[in-house]
PDB file of N, CA and C in Angstrom:
ATOM      1  N   UNK A   1      50.148  62.736 -22.832  1.00  0.00           N
ATOM      2  CA  UNK A   1      49.461  61.629 -22.199  1.00  0.00           C
ATOM      3  C   UNK A   1      49.922  61.442 -20.763  1.00  0.00           C
ATOM      4  N   UNK A   2      51.222  61.419 -20.559  1.00  0.00           N
ATOM      5  CA  UNK A   2      51.753  61.177 -19.225  1.00  0.00           C
ATOM      6  C   UNK A   2      51.371  62.299 -18.265  1.00  0.00           C
ATOM      7  N   UNK A   3      51.395  63.542 -18.734  1.00  0.00           N
ATOM      8  CA  UNK A   3      51.039  64.664 -17.866  1.00  0.00           C
ATOM      9  C   UNK A   3      49.563  64.615 -17.485  1.00  0.00           C
ATOM     10  N   UNK A   4      48.723  64.177 -18.380  1.00  0.00           N
ATOM     11  CA  UNK A   4      47.300  64.038 -18.069  1.00  0.00           C
ATOM     12  C   UNK A   4      47.097  62.982 -16.995  1.00  0.00           C
ATOM     13  N   UNK A   5      47.788  61.870 -17.118  1.00  0.00           N
ATOM     14  CA  UNK A   5      47.699  60.812 -16.117  1.00  0.00           C
ATOM     15  C   UNK A   5      48.225  61.301 -14.772  1.00  0.00           C
ATOM     16  N   UNK A   6      49.324  62.028 -14.810  1.00  0.00           N
ATOM     17  CA  UNK A   6      49.913  62.578 -13.575  1.00  0.00           C
ATOM     18  C   UNK A   6      48.956  63.560 -12.920  1.00  0.00           C
ATOM     19  N   UNK A   7      48.301  64.403 -13.715  1.00  0.00           N
ATOM     20  CA  UNK A   7      47.323  65.353 -13.172  1.00  0.00           C
ATOM     21  C   UNK A   7      46.150  64.627 -12.518  1.00  0.00           C
ATOM     22  N   UNK A   8      45.676  63.564 -13.154  1.00  0.00           N
ATOM     23  CA  UNK A   8      44.577  62.785 -12.586  1.00  0.00           C
ATOM     24  C   UNK A   8      44.998  62.163 -11.255  1.00  0.00           C
ATOM     25  N   UNK A   9      46.228  61.655 -11.189  1.00  0.00           N
ATOM     26  CA  UNK A   9      46.733  61.061  -9.955  1.00  0.00           C
ATOM     27  C   UNK A   9      46.831  62.103  -8.844  1.00  0.00           C
ATOM     28  N   UNK A  10      47.298  63.302  -9.186  1.00  0.00           N
ATOM     29  CA  UNK A  10      47.426  64.366  -8.196  1.00  0.00           C
ATOM     30  C   UNK A  10      46.057  64.815  -7.686  1.00  0.00           C
ATOM     31  N   UNK A  11      45.096  64.934  -8.578  1.00  0.00           N
ATOM     32  CA  UNK A  11      43.739  65.321  -8.187  1.00  0.00           C
ATOM     33  C   UNK A  11      43.128  64.251  -7.288  1.00  0.00           C
ATOM     34  N   UNK A  12      43.338  62.999  -7.635  1.00  0.00           N
ATOM     35  CA  UNK A  12      42.830  61.905  -6.823  1.00  0.00           C
ATOM     36  C   UNK A  12      43.440  61.938  -5.426  1.00  0.00           C
ATOM     37  N   UNK A  13      44.759  62.139  -5.342  1.00  0.00           N
ATOM     38  CA  UNK A  13      45.440  62.211  -4.044  1.00  0.00           C
ATOM     39  C   UNK A  13      44.926  63.407  -3.238  1.00  0.00           C
ATOM     40  N   UNK A  14      44.767  64.545  -3.877  1.00  0.00           N
ATOM     41  CA  UNK A  14      44.240  65.743  -3.233  1.00  0.00           C
ATOM     42  C   UNK A  14      42.861  65.463  -2.632  1.00  0.00           C
ATOM     43  N   UNK A  15      41.992  64.825  -3.404  1.00  0.00           N
ATOM     44  CA  UNK A  15      40.647  64.505  -2.936  1.00  0.00           C
ATOM     45  C   UNK A  15      40.677  63.510  -1.778  1.00  0.00           C
ATOM     46  N   UNK A  16      41.580  62.531  -1.844  1.00  0.00           N
ATOM     47  CA  UNK A  16      41.712  61.560  -0.759  1.00  0.00           C
ATOM     48  C   UNK A  16      42.148  62.244   0.536  1.00  0.00           C
ATOM     49  N   UNK A  17      43.075  63.180   0.426  1.00  0.00           N
ATOM     50  CA  UNK A  17      43.549  63.905   1.607  1.00  0.00           C
ATOM     51  C   UNK A  17      42.425  64.749   2.190  1.00  0.00           C
ATOM     52  N   UNK A  18      41.655  65.422   1.338  1.00  0.00           N
ATOM     53  CA  UNK A  18      40.517  66.209   1.820  1.00  0.00           C
ATOM     54  C   UNK A  18      39.524  65.323   2.566  1.00  0.00           C
ATOM     55  N   UNK A  19      39.231  64.167   2.014  1.00  0.00           N
ATOM     56  CA  UNK A  19      38.293  63.248   2.651  1.00  0.00           C
ATOM     57  C   UNK A  19      38.819  62.777   4.004  1.00  0.00           C
ATOM     58  N   UNK A  20      40.115  62.502   4.084  1.00  0.00           N
ATOM     59  CA  UNK A  20      40.705  62.070   5.344  1.00  0.00           C
ATOM     60  C   UNK A  20      40.633  63.187   6.387  1.00  0.00           C
ATOM     61  N   UNK A  21      40.913  64.421   5.976  1.00  0.00           N
ATOM     62  CA  UNK A  21      40.826  65.556   6.898  1.00  0.00           C
ATOM     63  C   UNK A  21      39.394  65.698   7.412  1.00  0.00           C
ATOM     64  N   UNK A  22      38.424  65.582   6.536  1.00  0.00           N
ATOM     65  CA  UNK A  22      37.026  65.693   6.956  1.00  0.00           C
ATOM     66  C   UNK A  22      36.627  64.524   7.856  1.00  0.00           C
ATOM     67  N   UNK A  23      37.165  63.346   7.578  1.00  0.00           N
ATOM     68  CA  UNK A  23      36.796  62.151   8.330  1.00  0.00           C
ATOM     69  C   UNK A  23      37.373  62.156   9.745  1.00  0.00           C
ATOM     70  N   UNK A  24      38.674  62.440   9.896  1.00  0.00           N
ATOM     71  CA  UNK A  24      39.288  62.331  11.218  1.00  0.00           C
ATOM     72  C   UNK A  24      39.550  63.682  11.871  1.00  0.00           C
ATOM     73  N   UNK A  25      39.359  64.755  11.140  1.00  0.00           N
ATOM     74  CA  UNK A  25      39.536  66.094  11.692  1.00  0.00           C
ATOM     75  C   UNK A  25      40.998  66.507  11.755  1.00  0.00           C
ATOM     76  N   UNK A  26      41.204  67.805  11.978  1.00  0.00           N
ATOM     77  CA  UNK A  26      42.562  68.342  11.974  1.00  0.00           C
ATOM     78  C   UNK A  26      43.389  67.780  13.126  1.00  0.00           C
ATOM     79  N   UNK A  27      42.789  67.608  14.308  1.00  0.00           N
ATOM     80  CA  UNK A  27      43.536  67.048  15.437  1.00  0.00           C
ATOM     81  C   UNK A  27      43.987  65.622  15.153  1.00  0.00           C
ATOM     82  N   UNK A  28      43.173  64.869  14.448  1.00  0.00           N
ATOM     83  CA  UNK A  28      43.564  63.516  14.048  1.00  0.00           C
ATOM     84  C   UNK A  28      44.728  63.529  13.073  1.00  0.00           C
ATOM     85  N   UNK A  29      44.728  64.495  12.164  1.00  0.00           N
ATOM     86  CA  UNK A  29      45.823  64.636  11.208  1.00  0.00           C
ATOM     87  C   UNK A  29      47.121  64.970  11.945  1.00  0.00           C
ATOM     88  N   UNK A  30      47.016  65.870  12.921  1.00  0.00           N
ATOM     89  CA  UNK A  30      48.206  66.232  13.698  1.00  0.00           C
ATOM     90  C   UNK A  30      48.769  65.004  14.395  1.00  0.00           C
ATOM     91  N   UNK A  31      47.919  64.231  15.037  1.00  0.00           N
ATOM     92  CA  UNK A  31      48.383  63.030  15.738  1.00  0.00           C
ATOM     93  C   UNK A  31      48.976  62.006  14.785  1.00  0.00           C
ATOM     94  N   UNK A  32      48.451  61.938  13.604  1.00  0.00           N
ATOM     95  CA  UNK A  32      48.891  60.917  12.654  1.00  0.00           C
ATOM     96  C   UNK A  32      50.152  61.313  11.885  1.00  0.00           C
ATOM     97  N   UNK A  33      50.302  62.607  11.549  1.00  0.00           N
ATOM     98  CA  UNK A  33      51.359  63.004  10.628  1.00  0.00           C
ATOM     99  C   UNK A  33      52.366  64.033  11.155  1.00  0.00           C
ATOM    100  N   UNK A  34      52.113  64.674  12.284  1.00  0.00           N
ATOM    101  CA  UNK A  34      53.008  65.744  12.735  1.00  0.00           C
ATOM    102  C   UNK A  34      54.422  65.212  12.959  1.00  0.00           C
ATOM    103  N   UNK A  35      55.446  65.916  12.445  1.00  0.00           N
ATOM    104  CA  UNK A  35      56.828  65.421  12.545  1.00  0.00           C
ATOM    105  C   UNK A  35      57.344  65.310  13.987  1.00  0.00           C
ATOM    106  N   UNK A  36      56.833  66.130  14.906  1.00  0.00           N
ATOM    107  CA  UNK A  36      57.265  66.022  16.300  1.00  0.00           C
ATOM    108  C   UNK A  36      56.739  64.749  16.958  1.00  0.00           C
ATOM    109  N   UNK A  37      55.615  64.275  16.501  1.00  0.00           N
ATOM    110  CA  UNK A  37      55.028  63.051  17.048  1.00  0.00           C
ATOM    111  C   UNK A  37      55.561  61.827  16.315  1.00  0.00           C
ATOM    112  N   UNK A  38      55.819  61.968  15.028  1.00  0.00           N
ATOM    113  CA  UNK A  38      56.283  60.860  14.190  1.00  0.00           C
ATOM    114  C   UNK A  38      57.755  61.040  13.823  1.00  0.00           C
ATOM    115  N   UNK A  39      58.606  61.064  14.812  1.00  0.00           N
ATOM    116  CA  UNK A  39      60.042  61.321  14.609  1.00  0.00           C
ATOM    117  C   UNK A  39      60.705  60.264  13.723  1.00  0.00           C
ATOM    118  N   UNK A  40      60.221  59.034  13.805  1.00  0.00           N
ATOM    119  CA  UNK A  40      60.856  57.946  13.075  1.00  0.00           C
ATOM    120  C   UNK A  40      60.605  57.995  11.569  1.00  0.00           C
ATOM    121  N   UNK A  41      59.572  58.720  11.151  1.00  0.00           N
ATOM    122  CA  UNK A  41      59.246  58.826   9.730  1.00  0.00           C
ATOM    123  C   UNK A  41      60.019  59.988   9.113  1.00  0.00           C
ATOM    124  N   UNK A  42      60.906  59.674   8.186  1.00  0.00           N
ATOM    125  CA  UNK A  42      61.739  60.694   7.540  1.00  0.00           C
ATOM    126  C   UNK A  42      60.923  61.666   6.696  1.00  0.00           C
ATOM    127  N   UNK A  43      59.812  61.214   6.178  1.00  0.00           N
ATOM    128  CA  UNK A  43      58.988  62.043   5.296  1.00  0.00           C
ATOM    129  C   UNK A  43      57.851  62.747   6.023  1.00  0.00           C
ATOM    130  N   UNK A  44      57.820  62.663   7.345  1.00  0.00           N
ATOM    131  CA  UNK A  44      56.679  63.211   8.078  1.00  0.00           C
ATOM    132  C   UNK A  44      56.545  64.722   7.911  1.00  0.00           C
ATOM    133  N   UNK A  45      57.647  65.450   7.864  1.00  0.00           N
ATOM    134  CA  UNK A  45      57.567  66.906   7.700  1.00  0.00           C
ATOM    135  C   UNK A  45      56.972  67.263   6.338  1.00  0.00           C
ATOM    136  N   UNK A  46      57.422  66.577   5.308  1.00  0.00           N
ATOM    137  CA  UNK A  46      56.918  66.833   3.956  1.00  0.00           C
ATOM    138  C   UNK A  46      55.431  66.470   3.858  1.00  0.00           C
ATOM    139  N   UNK A  47      55.072  65.336   4.421  1.00  0.00           N
ATOM    140  CA  UNK A  47      53.675  64.902   4.393  1.00  0.00           C
ATOM    141  C   UNK A  47      52.795  65.869   5.164  1.00  0.00           C
ATOM    142  N   UNK A  48      53.261  66.293   6.346  1.00  0.00           N
ATOM    143  CA  UNK A  48      52.473  67.199   7.161  1.00  0.00           C
ATOM    144  C   UNK A  48      52.285  68.550   6.464  1.00  0.00           C
ATOM    145  N   UNK A  49      53.321  69.042   5.807  1.00  0.00           N
ATOM    146  CA  UNK A  49      53.207  70.303   5.063  1.00  0.00           C
ATOM    147  C   UNK A  49      52.134  70.203   3.983  1.00  0.00           C
ATOM    148  N   UNK A  50      52.093  69.055   3.300  1.00  0.00           N
ATOM    149  CA  UNK A  50      51.106  68.851   2.251  1.00  0.00           C
ATOM    150  C   UNK A  50      49.694  68.862   2.850  1.00  0.00           C
ATOM    151  N   UNK A  51      49.499  68.150   3.955  1.00  0.00           N
ATOM    152  CA  UNK A  51      48.195  68.125   4.611  1.00  0.00           C
ATOM    153  C   UNK A  51      47.804  69.513   5.101  1.00  0.00           C
ATOM    154  N   UNK A  52      48.769  70.234   5.672  1.00  0.00           N
ATOM    155  CA  UNK A  52      48.479  71.574   6.192  1.00  0.00           C
ATOM    156  C   UNK A  52      48.069  72.511   5.055  1.00  0.00           C
ATOM    157  N   UNK A  53      48.753  72.420   3.931  1.00  0.00           N
ATOM    158  CA  UNK A  53      48.432  73.253   2.782  1.00  0.00           C
ATOM    159  C   UNK A  53      47.010  72.975   2.283  1.00  0.00           C
ATOM    160  N   UNK A  54      46.665  71.713   2.196  1.00  0.00           N
ATOM    161  CA  UNK A  54      45.329  71.344   1.729  1.00  0.00           C
ATOM    162  C   UNK A  54      44.278  71.779   2.746  1.00  0.00           C
ATOM    163  N   UNK A  55      44.574  71.633   4.033  1.00  0.00           N
ATOM    164  CA  UNK A  55      43.647  72.064   5.081  1.00  0.00           C
ATOM    165  C   UNK A  55      43.409  73.570   5.005  1.00  0.00           C
ATOM    166  N   UNK A  56      44.485  74.341   4.825  1.00  0.00           N
ATOM    167  CA  UNK A  56      44.350  75.799   4.702  1.00  0.00           C
ATOM    168  C   UNK A  56      43.505  76.151   3.482  1.00  0.00           C
ATOM    169  N   UNK A  57      43.702  75.436   2.390  1.00  0.00           N
ATOM    170  CA  UNK A  57      42.906  75.645   1.181  1.00  0.00           C
ATOM    171  C   UNK A  57      41.435  75.343   1.459  1.00  0.00           C
ATOM    172  N   UNK A  58      41.176  74.282   2.217  1.00  0.00           N
ATOM    173  CA  UNK A  58      39.806  73.916   2.550  1.00  0.00           C
ATOM    174  C   UNK A  58      39.154  75.007   3.411  1.00  0.00           C
ATOM    175  N   UNK A  59      39.907  75.567   4.341  1.00  0.00           N
ATOM    176  CA  UNK A  59      39.366  76.624   5.191  1.00  0.00           C
ATOM    177  C   UNK A  59      39.001  77.849   4.363  1.00  0.00           C
ATOM    178  N   UNK A  60      39.804  78.173   3.368  1.00  0.00           N
ATOM    179  CA  UNK A  60      39.508  79.316   2.502  1.00  0.00           C
ATOM    180  C   UNK A  60      38.219  79.098   1.719  1.00  0.00           C
ATOM    181  N   UNK A  61      37.976  77.853   1.375  1.00  0.00           N
ATOM    182  CA  UNK A  61      36.772  77.544   0.596  1.00  0.00           C
ATOM    183  C   UNK A  61      35.594  77.186   1.503  1.00  0.00           C
ATOM    184  N   UNK A  62      35.775  77.321   2.796  1.00  0.00           N
ATOM    185  CA  UNK A  62      34.739  77.113   3.797  1.00  0.00           C
ATOM    186  C   UNK A  62      34.206  75.685   3.783  1.00  0.00           C
ATOM    187  N   UNK A  63      35.062  74.735   3.508  1.00  0.00           N
ATOM    188  CA  UNK A  63      34.672  73.334   3.625  1.00  0.00           C
ATOM    189  C   UNK A  63      34.796  72.909   5.088  1.00  0.00           C
ATOM    190  N   UNK A  64      35.798  73.445   5.767  1.00  0.00           N
ATOM    191  CA  UNK A  64      36.048  73.116   7.163  1.00  0.00           C
ATOM    192  C   UNK A  64      35.889  74.385   7.974  1.00  0.00           C
ATOM    193  N   UNK A  65      35.157  74.313   9.061  1.00  0.00           N
ATOM    194  CA  UNK A  65      35.031  75.460   9.953  1.00  0.00           C
ATOM    195  C   UNK A  65      36.255  75.534  10.839  1.00  0.00           C
ATOM    196  N   UNK A  66      36.862  76.737  10.980  1.00  0.00           N
ATOM    197  CA  UNK A  66      38.070  76.854  11.814  1.00  0.00           C
ATOM    198  C   UNK A  66      37.787  76.625  13.280  1.00  0.00           C
TER     199      UNK A  66
END
């Protein structure tokens, strides 16, 4: 039960990130989450890696034009 709920949460988060990337574009994501720009946020590198991974996945599936 718990793993099913966790999977649903992860899928929901993944979809939210995809929607945000499509909405504000990759340059907007860089400005918002890049660790060099957001030095004060300790989790910015981890967050940016997650966004970058999802963006690369989207490019492979041709959702976003490079």
